[in-house]
N, C-alpha and C. Protein backbone atom coordinates (compact mmCIF):
# COMPACT_ATOMS: atom_id res chain seq x y z
N MET A 1 167.46 161.73 105.14
CA MET A 1 167.19 160.40 105.65
C MET A 1 166.86 160.52 107.13
N ASN A 2 165.73 159.98 107.54
CA ASN A 2 165.37 159.93 108.94
C ASN A 2 165.53 158.49 109.41
N PRO A 3 166.71 158.14 109.97
CA PRO A 3 167.00 156.74 110.29
C PRO A 3 165.98 156.09 111.21
N ASP A 4 165.55 156.79 112.25
CA ASP A 4 164.65 156.15 113.21
C ASP A 4 163.31 155.79 112.59
N MET A 5 162.69 156.74 111.91
CA MET A 5 161.38 156.51 111.31
C MET A 5 161.47 155.45 110.20
N ASN A 6 162.43 155.59 109.31
CA ASN A 6 162.56 154.65 108.21
C ASN A 6 162.94 153.26 108.67
N GLN A 7 163.79 153.17 109.69
CA GLN A 7 164.22 151.86 110.17
C GLN A 7 163.03 151.11 110.77
N GLN A 8 162.19 151.80 111.52
CA GLN A 8 161.02 151.15 112.10
C GLN A 8 160.06 150.69 111.01
N ALA A 9 159.83 151.52 110.02
CA ALA A 9 158.93 151.17 108.93
C ALA A 9 159.50 150.05 108.09
N ALA A 10 160.81 150.07 107.87
CA ALA A 10 161.45 149.09 106.99
C ALA A 10 161.50 147.70 107.61
N GLN A 11 161.47 147.60 108.92
CA GLN A 11 161.58 146.30 109.58
C GLN A 11 160.46 145.36 109.17
N GLY A 12 159.28 145.87 108.91
CA GLY A 12 158.16 145.02 108.53
C GLY A 12 157.95 144.93 107.02
N GLN A 13 158.87 145.49 106.25
CA GLN A 13 158.72 145.55 104.80
C GLN A 13 158.94 144.17 104.17
N HIS A 14 157.98 143.74 103.35
CA HIS A 14 158.13 142.50 102.58
C HIS A 14 159.21 142.73 101.52
N VAL A 15 160.10 141.76 101.32
CA VAL A 15 161.18 141.86 100.35
C VAL A 15 161.15 140.64 99.45
N ASP A 16 161.21 140.87 98.14
CA ASP A 16 161.23 139.77 97.17
C ASP A 16 162.65 139.36 96.81
N GLN A 17 163.58 140.31 96.86
CA GLN A 17 164.98 139.99 96.56
C GLN A 17 165.88 140.90 97.38
N LYS A 18 166.98 140.33 97.89
CA LYS A 18 167.98 141.11 98.62
C LYS A 18 169.26 141.13 97.81
N LEU A 19 169.95 142.26 97.86
CA LEU A 19 171.21 142.43 97.15
C LEU A 19 172.19 143.13 98.08
N ASP A 20 173.35 142.52 98.28
CA ASP A 20 174.39 143.11 99.11
C ASP A 20 175.50 143.64 98.21
N ALA A 21 175.61 144.96 98.14
CA ALA A 21 176.64 145.61 97.32
C ALA A 21 177.67 146.28 98.22
N SER A 22 177.84 145.76 99.42
CA SER A 22 178.81 146.32 100.37
C SER A 22 180.21 146.26 99.78
N GLY A 23 180.96 147.33 99.98
CA GLY A 23 182.33 147.39 99.51
C GLY A 23 182.47 147.90 98.09
N LEU A 24 181.36 148.01 97.37
CA LEU A 24 181.41 148.53 96.00
C LEU A 24 181.23 150.04 96.02
N ASN A 25 181.95 150.73 95.16
CA ASN A 25 181.85 152.18 95.07
C ASN A 25 181.06 152.59 93.83
N CYS A 26 180.60 153.82 93.85
CA CYS A 26 179.84 154.41 92.76
C CYS A 26 180.57 154.18 91.44
N PRO A 27 179.88 153.75 90.44
CA PRO A 27 178.43 153.58 90.27
C PRO A 27 177.95 152.14 90.46
N LEU A 28 178.81 151.25 90.96
CA LEU A 28 178.47 149.83 91.00
C LEU A 28 177.22 149.48 91.83
N PRO A 29 177.01 150.06 93.02
CA PRO A 29 175.76 149.71 93.73
C PRO A 29 174.51 150.01 92.90
N LEU A 30 174.50 151.14 92.23
CA LEU A 30 173.35 151.51 91.41
C LEU A 30 173.21 150.58 90.21
N LEU A 31 174.31 150.26 89.56
CA LEU A 31 174.26 149.35 88.40
C LEU A 31 173.75 147.97 88.81
N LYS A 32 174.23 147.47 89.95
CA LYS A 32 173.77 146.16 90.44
C LYS A 32 172.28 146.21 90.77
N ALA A 33 171.84 147.32 91.36
CA ALA A 33 170.42 147.48 91.69
C ALA A 33 169.56 147.51 90.42
N LYS A 34 170.02 148.21 89.39
CA LYS A 34 169.28 148.27 88.13
C LYS A 34 169.13 146.88 87.53
N GLN A 35 170.21 146.10 87.54
CA GLN A 35 170.16 144.73 87.01
C GLN A 35 169.16 143.89 87.81
N ALA A 36 169.20 144.01 89.11
CA ALA A 36 168.33 143.21 89.97
C ALA A 36 166.87 143.62 89.79
N ILE A 37 166.61 144.90 89.74
CA ILE A 37 165.22 145.36 89.63
C ILE A 37 164.63 145.02 88.26
N ASN A 38 165.47 144.98 87.24
CA ASN A 38 165.00 144.60 85.91
C ASN A 38 164.51 143.15 85.87
N ALA A 39 165.03 142.32 86.75
CA ALA A 39 164.63 140.91 86.81
C ALA A 39 163.36 140.69 87.63
N LEU A 40 162.90 141.73 88.35
CA LEU A 40 161.71 141.60 89.18
C LEU A 40 160.45 141.88 88.37
N GLU A 41 159.32 141.41 88.90
CA GLU A 41 158.01 141.72 88.34
C GLU A 41 157.53 143.04 88.92
N SER A 42 156.63 143.70 88.22
CA SER A 42 156.05 144.95 88.70
C SER A 42 155.45 144.75 90.10
N GLY A 43 155.77 145.67 91.01
CA GLY A 43 155.24 145.61 92.37
C GLY A 43 156.14 144.87 93.35
N GLN A 44 157.12 144.14 92.84
CA GLN A 44 158.02 143.43 93.74
C GLN A 44 159.03 144.40 94.34
N VAL A 45 159.62 144.00 95.49
CA VAL A 45 160.49 144.88 96.26
C VAL A 45 161.91 144.32 96.31
N LEU A 46 162.87 145.21 96.05
CA LEU A 46 164.29 144.91 96.16
C LEU A 46 164.84 145.60 97.40
N GLU A 47 165.56 144.86 98.23
CA GLU A 47 166.30 145.46 99.34
C GLU A 47 167.77 145.46 98.96
N LEU A 48 168.39 146.62 99.01
CA LEU A 48 169.80 146.76 98.67
C LEU A 48 170.56 147.27 99.88
N ILE A 49 171.71 146.66 100.14
CA ILE A 49 172.59 147.09 101.22
C ILE A 49 173.92 147.49 100.58
N CYS A 50 174.45 148.65 100.95
CA CYS A 50 175.75 149.07 100.43
C CYS A 50 176.46 149.95 101.46
N THR A 51 177.71 150.28 101.16
CA THR A 51 178.52 151.08 102.07
C THR A 51 178.97 152.39 101.43
N ASP A 52 178.50 152.69 100.25
CA ASP A 52 178.90 153.89 99.51
C ASP A 52 178.05 155.09 99.94
N PRO A 53 178.65 156.10 100.60
CA PRO A 53 177.88 157.28 101.02
C PRO A 53 177.24 158.02 99.86
N GLY A 54 177.83 157.95 98.68
CA GLY A 54 177.25 158.61 97.52
C GLY A 54 175.96 157.97 97.04
N SER A 55 175.65 156.79 97.56
CA SER A 55 174.45 156.08 97.15
C SER A 55 173.17 156.80 97.57
N VAL A 56 173.25 157.62 98.60
CA VAL A 56 172.04 158.32 99.08
C VAL A 56 171.44 159.15 97.95
N ARG A 57 172.24 159.99 97.36
CA ARG A 57 171.75 160.82 96.25
C ARG A 57 171.45 159.96 95.02
N ASP A 58 172.31 158.98 94.75
CA ASP A 58 172.12 158.11 93.58
C ASP A 58 170.74 157.47 93.58
N PHE A 59 170.33 156.91 94.72
CA PHE A 59 169.06 156.19 94.75
C PHE A 59 167.85 157.12 94.78
N GLN A 60 168.02 158.31 95.34
CA GLN A 60 166.92 159.29 95.27
C GLN A 60 166.67 159.69 93.82
N VAL A 61 167.74 160.02 93.10
CA VAL A 61 167.62 160.43 91.70
C VAL A 61 167.14 159.26 90.84
N PHE A 62 167.68 158.08 91.07
CA PHE A 62 167.26 156.90 90.31
C PHE A 62 165.76 156.66 90.46
N SER A 63 165.26 156.77 91.68
CA SER A 63 163.84 156.56 91.93
C SER A 63 163.00 157.60 91.19
N GLU A 64 163.40 158.85 91.24
CA GLU A 64 162.66 159.91 90.57
C GLU A 64 162.67 159.72 89.05
N GLN A 65 163.82 159.36 88.49
CA GLN A 65 163.94 159.25 87.04
C GLN A 65 163.35 157.97 86.48
N SER A 66 163.42 156.88 87.23
CA SER A 66 162.98 155.58 86.72
C SER A 66 161.50 155.31 86.99
N GLY A 67 160.96 155.96 88.02
CA GLY A 67 159.58 155.69 88.40
C GLY A 67 159.44 154.57 89.42
N HIS A 68 160.55 153.90 89.75
CA HIS A 68 160.51 152.89 90.80
C HIS A 68 160.41 153.63 92.14
N GLN A 69 159.62 153.09 93.05
CA GLN A 69 159.35 153.78 94.31
C GLN A 69 160.41 153.45 95.35
N LEU A 70 161.06 154.49 95.89
CA LEU A 70 161.99 154.32 97.00
C LEU A 70 161.15 154.30 98.27
N LEU A 71 160.95 153.11 98.82
CA LEU A 71 160.07 152.94 99.97
C LEU A 71 160.72 153.41 101.26
N HIS A 72 161.97 153.03 101.45
CA HIS A 72 162.70 153.37 102.67
C HIS A 72 164.17 153.55 102.34
N ALA A 73 164.83 154.40 103.11
CA ALA A 73 166.27 154.58 103.03
C ALA A 73 166.78 154.74 104.46
N VAL A 74 167.68 153.86 104.86
CA VAL A 74 168.17 153.84 106.24
C VAL A 74 169.69 153.83 106.23
N GLU A 75 170.31 154.64 107.09
CA GLU A 75 171.75 154.62 107.28
C GLU A 75 172.02 154.30 108.74
N ALA A 76 172.87 153.32 108.99
CA ALA A 76 173.26 152.98 110.35
C ALA A 76 174.70 152.52 110.34
N GLN A 77 175.55 153.28 111.00
CA GLN A 77 176.97 152.94 111.15
C GLN A 77 177.66 152.69 109.82
N GLY A 78 177.38 153.54 108.84
CA GLY A 78 178.03 153.43 107.55
C GLY A 78 177.46 152.39 106.61
N ILE A 79 176.35 151.77 107.00
CA ILE A 79 175.65 150.81 106.15
C ILE A 79 174.38 151.49 105.65
N TYR A 80 174.22 151.52 104.34
CA TYR A 80 173.07 152.17 103.72
C TYR A 80 172.15 151.09 103.17
N SER A 81 170.88 151.15 103.55
CA SER A 81 169.90 150.17 103.10
C SER A 81 168.77 150.89 102.39
N TYR A 82 168.35 150.30 101.27
CA TYR A 82 167.29 150.88 100.45
C TYR A 82 166.29 149.79 100.09
N TRP A 83 165.02 150.18 100.05
CA TRP A 83 163.96 149.29 99.61
C TRP A 83 163.28 149.97 98.44
N LEU A 84 163.32 149.32 97.29
CA LEU A 84 162.75 149.87 96.06
C LEU A 84 161.64 148.95 95.54
N ARG A 85 160.49 149.54 95.19
CA ARG A 85 159.39 148.78 94.58
C ARG A 85 159.41 149.05 93.08
N LYS A 86 159.45 147.97 92.30
CA LYS A 86 159.48 148.11 90.85
C LYS A 86 158.13 148.64 90.36
N LYS A 87 158.19 149.58 89.42
CA LYS A 87 156.96 150.16 88.89
C LYS A 87 156.24 149.16 88.00
């Protein structure tokens, strides 16, 4: 994760739905994200915020396996933010 580059790019990112999974531990942030992304139309973007450090690997693998595009991943002071575009 390159926080500076991703944070700058993510600031202008259009978001169709936001989901705050702060305080939830693995696997709940990923499960909540899957539910939310399933409700989106193709091409729409989900922004997810969580506090689980294990989410970094979870969302990289999820993106690779599901085909949904991980646009940005930012970590700042223990807050992990992800932007996913539905395939």
